[in-house]
Full PDB file with SEQRES, HELIX, SHEET, SSBOND, CRYST1, ORIGX, SCALE, CONECT and MASTER records, all heavy atoms in Angstrom:
SEQRES   1 A   31  LYS SER LEU ILE SER PHE ILE GLY SER PRO TRP THR LEU          
SEQRES   2 A   31  ALA VAL TYR MET PHE GLY LEU LYS LYS ASP LYS VAL THR          
SEQRES   3 A   31  LEU ASP LEU GLN LEU                                          
HELIX    1 AA1 PRO A   10  PHE A   18  1                                   9    
SHEET    1 AA1 2 LYS A  21  ASP A  23  0                                        
SHEET    2 AA1 2 THR A  26  LEU A  27 -1                                        
CRYST1    1.000    1.000    1.000  90.00  90.00  90.00 P 1           1          
ORIGX1      1.000000  0.000000  0.000000        0.00000                         
ORIGX2      0.000000  1.000000  0.000000        0.00000                         
ORIGX3      0.000000  0.000000  1.000000        0.00000                         
SCALE1      1.000000  0.000000  0.000000        0.00000                         
SCALE2      0.000000  1.000000  0.000000        0.00000                         
SCALE3      0.000000  0.000000  1.000000        0.00000                         
ATOM      1  N   LYS A   1      58.483 -20.324 -26.519  1.00  0.00           N  
ATOM      2  CA  LYS A   1      58.951 -19.051 -26.972  1.00  0.00           C  
ATOM      3  C   LYS A   1      58.348 -18.687 -28.343  1.00  0.00           C  
ATOM      4  O   LYS A   1      58.246 -19.549 -29.206  1.00  0.00           O  
ATOM      5  CB  LYS A   1      60.497 -19.011 -27.072  1.00  0.00           C  
ATOM      6  CG  LYS A   1      61.181 -19.555 -25.848  1.00  0.00           C  
ATOM      7  CD  LYS A   1      61.299 -18.498 -24.750  1.00  0.00           C  
ATOM      8  CE  LYS A   1      62.210 -18.979 -23.643  1.00  0.00           C  
ATOM      9  NZ  LYS A   1      62.312 -18.017 -22.511  1.00  0.00           N  
ATOM     10  N   SER A   2      58.061 -17.445 -28.538  1.00  0.00           N  
ATOM     11  CA  SER A   2      57.591 -16.952 -29.871  1.00  0.00           C  
ATOM     12  C   SER A   2      58.797 -16.716 -30.740  1.00  0.00           C  
ATOM     13  O   SER A   2      59.854 -16.469 -30.284  1.00  0.00           O  
ATOM     14  CB  SER A   2      56.824 -15.695 -29.728  1.00  0.00           C  
ATOM     15  OG  SER A   2      55.423 -15.995 -29.426  1.00  0.00           O  
ATOM     16  N   LEU A   3      58.554 -16.822 -32.079  1.00  0.00           N  
ATOM     17  CA  LEU A   3      59.505 -16.527 -33.083  1.00  0.00           C  
ATOM     18  C   LEU A   3      58.934 -15.357 -33.934  1.00  0.00           C  
ATOM     19  O   LEU A   3      57.992 -15.443 -34.593  1.00  0.00           O  
ATOM     20  CB  LEU A   3      59.840 -17.737 -33.958  1.00  0.00           C  
ATOM     21  CG  LEU A   3      60.822 -17.543 -35.097  1.00  0.00           C  
ATOM     22  CD1 LEU A   3      62.149 -16.783 -34.658  1.00  0.00           C  
ATOM     23  CD2 LEU A   3      61.094 -18.796 -35.841  1.00  0.00           C  
ATOM     24  N   ILE A   4      59.578 -14.186 -33.759  1.00  0.00           N  
ATOM     25  CA  ILE A   4      59.160 -12.990 -34.388  1.00  0.00           C  
ATOM     26  C   ILE A   4      59.786 -12.757 -35.757  1.00  0.00           C  
ATOM     27  O   ILE A   4      61.001 -12.837 -35.841  1.00  0.00           O  
ATOM     28  CB  ILE A   4      59.372 -11.731 -33.539  1.00  0.00           C  
ATOM     29  CG1 ILE A   4      58.692 -11.917 -32.158  1.00  0.00           C  
ATOM     30  CG2 ILE A   4      58.927 -10.492 -34.183  1.00  0.00           C  
ATOM     31  CD1 ILE A   4      59.079 -10.913 -31.109  1.00  0.00           C  
ATOM     32  N   SER A   5      58.970 -12.585 -36.767  1.00  0.00           N  
ATOM     33  CA  SER A   5      59.524 -12.164 -38.125  1.00  0.00           C  
ATOM     34  C   SER A   5      59.152 -10.704 -38.326  1.00  0.00           C  
ATOM     35  O   SER A   5      58.365 -10.087 -37.517  1.00  0.00           O  
ATOM     36  CB  SER A   5      58.854 -13.002 -39.180  1.00  0.00           C  
ATOM     37  OG  SER A   5      57.407 -12.753 -39.258  1.00  0.00           O  
ATOM     38  N   PHE A   6      59.762 -10.061 -39.302  1.00  0.00           N  
ATOM     39  CA  PHE A   6      59.495  -8.603 -39.370  1.00  0.00           C  
ATOM     40  C   PHE A   6      59.632  -8.158 -40.842  1.00  0.00           C  
ATOM     41  O   PHE A   6      60.256  -8.849 -41.698  1.00  0.00           O  
ATOM     42  CB  PHE A   6      60.394  -7.844 -38.491  1.00  0.00           C  
ATOM     43  CG  PHE A   6      61.863  -7.997 -38.812  1.00  0.00           C  
ATOM     44  CD1 PHE A   6      62.528  -7.092 -39.674  1.00  0.00           C  
ATOM     45  CD2 PHE A   6      62.687  -8.990 -38.178  1.00  0.00           C  
ATOM     46  CE1 PHE A   6      63.823  -7.224 -39.928  1.00  0.00           C  
ATOM     47  CE2 PHE A   6      63.981  -9.090 -38.472  1.00  0.00           C  
ATOM     48  CZ  PHE A   6      64.628  -8.237 -39.344  1.00  0.00           C  
ATOM     49  N   ILE A   7      59.030  -6.992 -41.123  1.00  0.00           N  
ATOM     50  CA  ILE A   7      59.212  -6.291 -42.381  1.00  0.00           C  
ATOM     51  C   ILE A   7      59.361  -4.814 -42.107  1.00  0.00           C  
ATOM     52  O   ILE A   7      59.117  -4.336 -41.002  1.00  0.00           O  
ATOM     53  CB  ILE A   7      57.973  -6.504 -43.291  1.00  0.00           C  
ATOM     54  CG1 ILE A   7      56.735  -5.919 -42.575  1.00  0.00           C  
ATOM     55  CG2 ILE A   7      57.824  -7.908 -43.720  1.00  0.00           C  
ATOM     56  CD1 ILE A   7      55.559  -5.809 -43.438  1.00  0.00           C  
ATOM     57  N   GLY A   8      59.902  -4.127 -43.130  1.00  0.00           N  
ATOM     58  CA  GLY A   8      59.804  -2.652 -43.062  1.00  0.00           C  
ATOM     59  C   GLY A   8      58.554  -2.214 -43.752  1.00  0.00           C  
ATOM     60  O   GLY A   8      57.981  -2.913 -44.654  1.00  0.00           O  
ATOM     61  N   SER A   9      58.023  -1.069 -43.359  1.00  0.00           N  
ATOM     62  CA  SER A   9      56.825  -0.547 -43.929  1.00  0.00           C  
ATOM     63  C   SER A   9      57.089  -0.069 -45.348  1.00  0.00           C  
ATOM     64  O   SER A   9      58.277   0.132 -45.727  1.00  0.00           O  
ATOM     65  CB  SER A   9      56.215   0.599 -43.134  1.00  0.00           C  
ATOM     66  OG  SER A   9      57.106   1.702 -43.360  1.00  0.00           O  
ATOM     67  N   PRO A  10      56.094  -0.013 -46.215  1.00  0.00           N  
ATOM     68  CA  PRO A  10      56.334   0.499 -47.582  1.00  0.00           C  
ATOM     69  C   PRO A  10      57.073   1.851 -47.613  1.00  0.00           C  
ATOM     70  O   PRO A  10      57.976   2.048 -48.450  1.00  0.00           O  
ATOM     71  CB  PRO A  10      54.909   0.591 -48.193  1.00  0.00           C  
ATOM     72  CG  PRO A  10      54.175  -0.476 -47.473  1.00  0.00           C  
ATOM     73  CD  PRO A  10      54.673  -0.457 -46.000  1.00  0.00           C  
ATOM     74  N   TRP A  11      56.630   2.732 -46.737  1.00  0.00           N  
ATOM     75  CA  TRP A  11      57.219   4.100 -46.748  1.00  0.00           C  
ATOM     76  C   TRP A  11      58.722   4.018 -46.334  1.00  0.00           C  
ATOM     77  O   TRP A  11      59.567   4.645 -47.071  1.00  0.00           O  
ATOM     78  CB  TRP A  11      56.524   5.061 -45.805  1.00  0.00           C  
ATOM     79  CG  TRP A  11      57.366   6.222 -45.385  1.00  0.00           C  
ATOM     80  CD1 TRP A  11      57.870   6.500 -44.135  1.00  0.00           C  
ATOM     81  CD2 TRP A  11      57.744   7.361 -46.168  1.00  0.00           C  
ATOM     82  NE1 TRP A  11      58.594   7.616 -44.150  1.00  0.00           N  
ATOM     83  CE2 TRP A  11      58.520   8.224 -45.371  1.00  0.00           C  
ATOM     84  CE3 TRP A  11      57.537   7.706 -47.494  1.00  0.00           C  
ATOM     85  CZ2 TRP A  11      59.061   9.422 -45.880  1.00  0.00           C  
ATOM     86  CZ3 TRP A  11      58.017   8.876 -47.990  1.00  0.00           C  
ATOM     87  CH2 TRP A  11      58.779   9.737 -47.194  1.00  0.00           C  
ATOM     88  N   THR A  12      59.056   3.367 -45.287  1.00  0.00           N  
ATOM     89  CA  THR A  12      60.404   3.213 -44.850  1.00  0.00           C  
ATOM     90  C   THR A  12      61.294   2.618 -45.868  1.00  0.00           C  
ATOM     91  O   THR A  12      62.469   3.054 -46.139  1.00  0.00           O  
ATOM     92  CB  THR A  12      60.483   2.471 -43.488  1.00  0.00           C  
ATOM     93  OG1 THR A  12      59.992   3.339 -42.452  1.00  0.00           O  
ATOM     94  CG2 THR A  12      61.870   2.028 -43.161  1.00  0.00           C  
ATOM     95  N   LEU A  13      60.762   1.507 -46.544  1.00  0.00           N  
ATOM     96  CA  LEU A  13      61.555   0.931 -47.652  1.00  0.00           C  
ATOM     97  C   LEU A  13      61.750   1.929 -48.761  1.00  0.00           C  
ATOM     98  O   LEU A  13      62.812   1.986 -49.397  1.00  0.00           O  
ATOM     99  CB  LEU A  13      60.842  -0.365 -48.138  1.00  0.00           C  
ATOM    100  CG  LEU A  13      60.807  -1.494 -47.071  1.00  0.00           C  
ATOM    101  CD1 LEU A  13      60.091  -2.718 -47.687  1.00  0.00           C  
ATOM    102  CD2 LEU A  13      62.201  -1.797 -46.551  1.00  0.00           C  
ATOM    103  N   ALA A  14      60.780   2.680 -49.131  1.00  0.00           N  
ATOM    104  CA  ALA A  14      60.865   3.684 -50.121  1.00  0.00           C  
ATOM    105  C   ALA A  14      61.915   4.707 -49.919  1.00  0.00           C  
ATOM    106  O   ALA A  14      62.609   5.154 -50.817  1.00  0.00           O  
ATOM    107  CB  ALA A  14      59.536   4.335 -50.435  1.00  0.00           C  
ATOM    108  N   VAL A  15      62.022   5.100 -48.658  1.00  0.00           N  
ATOM    109  CA  VAL A  15      63.033   6.085 -48.215  1.00  0.00           C  
ATOM    110  C   VAL A  15      64.424   5.529 -48.653  1.00  0.00           C  
ATOM    111  O   VAL A  15      65.270   6.293 -49.182  1.00  0.00           O  
ATOM    112  CB  VAL A  15      62.980   6.373 -46.692  1.00  0.00           C  
ATOM    113  CG1 VAL A  15      64.194   7.111 -46.261  1.00  0.00           C  
ATOM    114  CG2 VAL A  15      61.720   7.229 -46.415  1.00  0.00           C  
ATOM    115  N   TYR A  16      64.647   4.274 -48.343  1.00  0.00           N  
ATOM    116  CA  TYR A  16      65.992   3.639 -48.713  1.00  0.00           C  
ATOM    117  C   TYR A  16      66.061   3.453 -50.266  1.00  0.00           C  
ATOM    118  O   TYR A  16      67.104   3.698 -50.835  1.00  0.00           O  
ATOM    119  CB  TYR A  16      66.101   2.306 -47.986  1.00  0.00           C  
ATOM    120  CG  TYR A  16      66.364   2.432 -46.494  1.00  0.00           C  
ATOM    121  CD1 TYR A  16      65.456   2.127 -45.548  1.00  0.00           C  
ATOM    122  CD2 TYR A  16      67.623   2.917 -46.094  1.00  0.00           C  
ATOM    123  CE1 TYR A  16      65.692   2.207 -44.223  1.00  0.00           C  
ATOM    124  CE2 TYR A  16      67.931   3.033 -44.726  1.00  0.00           C  
ATOM    125  CZ  TYR A  16      66.961   2.644 -43.825  1.00  0.00           C  
ATOM    126  OH  TYR A  16      67.255   2.771 -42.476  1.00  0.00           O  
ATOM    127  N   MET A  17      64.992   2.972 -50.877  1.00  0.00           N  
ATOM    128  CA  MET A  17      65.045   2.582 -52.271  1.00  0.00           C  
ATOM    129  C   MET A  17      65.304   3.748 -53.172  1.00  0.00           C  
ATOM    130  O   MET A  17      66.027   3.689 -54.155  1.00  0.00           O  
ATOM    131  CB  MET A  17      63.741   1.826 -52.636  1.00  0.00           C  
ATOM    132  CG  MET A  17      63.521   0.531 -51.972  1.00  0.00           C  
ATOM    133  SD  MET A  17      61.877  -0.155 -52.141  1.00  0.00           S  
ATOM    134  CE  MET A  17      61.823  -0.677 -53.860  1.00  0.00           C  
ATOM    135  N   PHE A  18      64.731   4.895 -52.740  1.00  0.00           N  
ATOM    136  CA  PHE A  18      64.887   6.117 -53.591  1.00  0.00           C  
ATOM    137  C   PHE A  18      66.005   7.056 -53.087  1.00  0.00           C  
ATOM    138  O   PHE A  18      66.246   8.054 -53.635  1.00  0.00           O  
ATOM    139  CB  PHE A  18      63.648   6.905 -53.636  1.00  0.00           C  
ATOM    140  CG  PHE A  18      62.536   6.329 -54.478  1.00  0.00           C  
ATOM    141  CD1 PHE A  18      61.566   5.454 -53.997  1.00  0.00           C  
ATOM    142  CD2 PHE A  18      62.461   6.607 -55.859  1.00  0.00           C  
ATOM    143  CE1 PHE A  18      60.652   4.868 -54.793  1.00  0.00           C  
ATOM    144  CE2 PHE A  18      61.533   6.047 -56.666  1.00  0.00           C  
ATOM    145  CZ  PHE A  18      60.588   5.186 -56.144  1.00  0.00           C  
ATOM    146  N   GLY A  19      66.583   6.705 -51.884  1.00  0.00           N  
ATOM    147  CA  GLY A  19      67.674   7.497 -51.372  1.00  0.00           C  
ATOM    148  C   GLY A  19      67.134   8.881 -50.925  1.00  0.00           C  
ATOM    149  O   GLY A  19      67.720   9.939 -51.266  1.00  0.00           O  
ATOM    150  N   LEU A  20      65.937   8.892 -50.172  1.00  0.00           N  
ATOM    151  CA  LEU A  20      65.261  10.151 -49.905  1.00  0.00           C  
ATOM    152  C   LEU A  20      65.814  10.924 -48.690  1.00  0.00           C  
ATOM    153  O   LEU A  20      65.385  12.045 -48.480  1.00  0.00           O  
ATOM    154  CB  LEU A  20      63.760   9.834 -49.738  1.00  0.00           C  
ATOM    155  CG  LEU A  20      62.901   9.306 -50.820  1.00  0.00           C  
ATOM    156  CD1 LEU A  20      61.531   9.052 -50.385  1.00  0.00           C  
ATOM    157  CD2 LEU A  20      63.013  10.216 -52.093  1.00  0.00           C  
ATOM    158  N   LYS A  21      66.729  10.388 -47.963  1.00  0.00           N  
ATOM    159  CA  LYS A  21      67.225  11.084 -46.806  1.00  0.00           C  
ATOM    160  C   LYS A  21      68.473  11.923 -47.209  1.00  0.00           C  
ATOM    161  O   LYS A  21      69.384  11.460 -47.842  1.00  0.00           O  
ATOM    162  CB  LYS A  21      67.678  10.080 -45.681  1.00  0.00           C  
ATOM    163  CG  LYS A  21      66.513   9.545 -44.962  1.00  0.00           C  
ATOM    164  CD  LYS A  21      66.952   8.931 -43.593  1.00  0.00           C  
ATOM    165  CE  LYS A  21      67.884   7.761 -43.851  1.00  0.00           C  
ATOM    166  NZ  LYS A  21      68.522   7.276 -42.653  1.00  0.00           N  
ATOM    167  N   LYS A  22      68.448  13.173 -46.674  1.00  0.00           N  
ATOM    168  CA  LYS A  22      69.638  14.019 -46.747  1.00  0.00           C  
ATOM    169  C   LYS A  22      70.640  13.656 -45.653  1.00  0.00           C  
ATOM    170  O   LYS A  22      71.809  13.642 -45.895  1.00  0.00           O  
ATOM    171  CB  LYS A  22      69.227  15.552 -46.573  1.00  0.00           C  
ATOM    172  CG  LYS A  22      68.838  16.244 -47.870  1.00  0.00           C  
ATOM    173  CD  LYS A  22      68.583  17.658 -47.589  1.00  0.00           C  
ATOM    174  CE  LYS A  22      68.314  18.436 -48.814  1.00  0.00           C  
ATOM    175  NZ  LYS A  22      68.028  19.836 -48.574  1.00  0.00           N  
ATOM    176  N   ASP A  23      70.042  13.433 -44.487  1.00  0.00           N  
ATOM    177  CA  ASP A  23      70.856  12.968 -43.367  1.00  0.00           C  
ATOM    178  C   ASP A  23      69.953  12.112 -42.459  1.00  0.00           C  
ATOM    179  O   ASP A  23      68.836  11.740 -42.893  1.00  0.00           O  
ATOM    180  CB  ASP A  23      71.518  14.091 -42.646  1.00  0.00           C  
ATOM    181  CG  ASP A  23      70.516  15.106 -42.224  1.00  0.00           C  
ATOM    182  OD1 ASP A  23      69.458  14.807 -41.691  1.00  0.00           O  
ATOM    183  OD2 ASP A  23      70.752  16.393 -42.474  1.00  0.00           O  
ATOM    184  N   LYS A  24      70.359  11.817 -41.179  1.00  0.00           N  
ATOM    185  CA  LYS A  24      69.524  11.014 -40.345  1.00  0.00           C  
ATOM    186  C   LYS A  24      68.173  11.556 -39.997  1.00  0.00           C  
ATOM    187  O   LYS A  24      67.361  10.737 -39.587  1.00  0.00           O  
ATOM    188  CB  LYS A  24      70.364  10.607 -39.069  1.00  0.00           C  
ATOM    189  CG  LYS A  24      71.560   9.655 -39.375  1.00  0.00           C  
ATOM    190  CD  LYS A  24      72.238   9.259 -38.065  1.00  0.00           C  
ATOM    191  CE  LYS A  24      73.310   8.267 -38.347  1.00  0.00           C  
ATOM    192  NZ  LYS A  24      73.929   7.813 -37.048  1.00  0.00           N  
ATOM    193  N   VAL A  25      68.030  12.881 -40.073  1.00  0.00           N  
ATOM    194  CA  VAL A  25      66.772  13.459 -39.633  1.00  0.00           C  
ATOM    195  C   VAL A  25      66.122  14.358 -40.675  1.00  0.00           C  
ATOM    196  O   VAL A  25      65.057  14.946 -40.390  1.00  0.00           O  
ATOM    197  CB  VAL A  25      67.030  14.307 -38.311  1.00  0.00           C  
ATOM    198  CG1 VAL A  25      67.480  13.385 -37.157  1.00  0.00           C  
ATOM    199  CG2 VAL A  25      68.071  15.361 -38.540  1.00  0.00           C  
ATOM    200  N   THR A  26      66.604  14.405 -41.896  1.00  0.00           N  
ATOM    201  CA  THR A  26      66.080  15.282 -42.855  1.00  0.00           C  
ATOM    202  C   THR A  26      65.789  14.598 -44.198  1.00  0.00           C  
ATOM    203  O   THR A  26      66.647  13.805 -44.709  1.00  0.00           O  
ATOM    204  CB  THR A  26      67.028  16.483 -43.161  1.00  0.00           C  
ATOM    205  OG1 THR A  26      67.483  16.940 -41.902  1.00  0.00           O  
ATOM    206  CG2 THR A  26      66.374  17.490 -43.923  1.00  0.00           C  
ATOM    207  N   LEU A  27      64.612  14.797 -44.787  1.00  0.00           N  
ATOM    208  CA  LEU A  27      64.294  14.335 -46.107  1.00  0.00           C  
ATOM    209  C   LEU A  27      64.735  15.277 -47.175  1.00  0.00           C  
ATOM    210  O   LEU A  27      64.765  16.469 -46.957  1.00  0.00           O  
ATOM    211  CB  LEU A  27      62.776  14.134 -46.230  1.00  0.00           C  
ATOM    212  CG  LEU A  27      62.066  12.855 -45.718  1.00  0.00           C  
ATOM    213  CD1 LEU A  27      60.604  12.920 -46.076  1.00  0.00           C  
ATOM    214  CD2 LEU A  27      62.692  11.640 -46.278  1.00  0.00           C  
ATOM    215  N   ASP A  28      65.096  14.727 -48.352  1.00  0.00           N  
ATOM    216  CA  ASP A  28      65.387  15.531 -49.479  1.00  0.00           C  
ATOM    217  C   ASP A  28      64.010  15.777 -50.207  1.00  0.00           C  
ATOM    218  O   ASP A  28      63.622  14.999 -51.064  1.00  0.00           O  
ATOM    219  CB  ASP A  28      66.323  14.766 -50.465  1.00  0.00           C  
ATOM    220  CG  ASP A  28      66.741  15.626 -51.641  1.00  0.00           C  
ATOM    221  OD1 ASP A  28      65.987  16.603 -51.964  1.00  0.00           O  
ATOM    222  OD2 ASP A  28      67.795  15.312 -52.266  1.00  0.00           O  
ATOM    223  N   LEU A  29      63.330  16.845 -49.758  1.00  0.00           N  
ATOM    224  CA  LEU A  29      61.943  17.127 -50.281  1.00  0.00           C  
ATOM    225  C   LEU A  29      61.978  17.376 -51.754  1.00  0.00           C  
ATOM    226  O   LEU A  29      60.968  17.126 -52.446  1.00  0.00           O  
ATOM    227  CB  LEU A  29      61.368  18.298 -49.502  1.00  0.00           C  
ATOM    228  CG  LEU A  29      61.175  18.026 -47.962  1.00  0.00           C  
ATOM    229  CD1 LEU A  29      60.682  19.265 -47.257  1.00  0.00           C  
ATOM    230  CD2 LEU A  29      60.155  16.900 -47.785  1.00  0.00           C  
ATOM    231  N   GLN A  30      63.050  17.965 -52.274  1.00  0.00           N  
ATOM    232  CA  GLN A  30      63.135  18.250 -53.697  1.00  0.00           C  
ATOM    233  C   GLN A  30      63.142  16.962 -54.524  1.00  0.00           C  
ATOM    234  O   GLN A  30      62.386  16.799 -55.492  1.00  0.00           O  
ATOM    235  CB  GLN A  30      64.357  19.067 -53.979  1.00  0.00           C  
ATOM    236  CG  GLN A  30      64.351  19.771 -55.311  1.00  0.00           C  
ATOM    237  CD  GLN A  30      65.541  20.692 -55.584  1.00  0.00           C  
ATOM    238  OE1 GLN A  30      66.499  20.727 -54.705  1.00  0.00           O  
ATOM    239  NE2 GLN A  30      65.484  21.524 -56.554  1.00  0.00           N  
ATOM    240  N   LEU A  31      63.884  16.010 -54.031  1.00  0.00           N  
ATOM    241  CA  LEU A  31      63.898  14.684 -54.760  1.00  0.00           C  
ATOM    242  C   LEU A  31      62.570  13.971 -54.525  1.00  0.00           C  
ATOM    243  O   LEU A  31      62.132  13.363 -55.515  1.00  0.00           O  
ATOM    244  CB  LEU A  31      65.063  13.818 -54.166  1.00  0.00           C  
ATOM    245  CG  LEU A  31      65.124  12.393 -54.688  1.00  0.00           C  
ATOM    246  CD1 LEU A  31      65.466  12.430 -56.207  1.00  0.00           C  
ATOM    247  CD2 LEU A  31      66.274  11.687 -54.008  1.00  0.00           C  
TER     248      LEU A  31                                                      
MASTER        0    0    0    1    2    0    0    6  247    1    0    3          
END                                                                             
């Protein structure tokens, strides 16, 4: 059996790190 490891992409991590989402489907473009 394979053992899969994983990471988030830089962009996806940045979305969380900077709190860029207004909601589940919208970015806070102003921020």
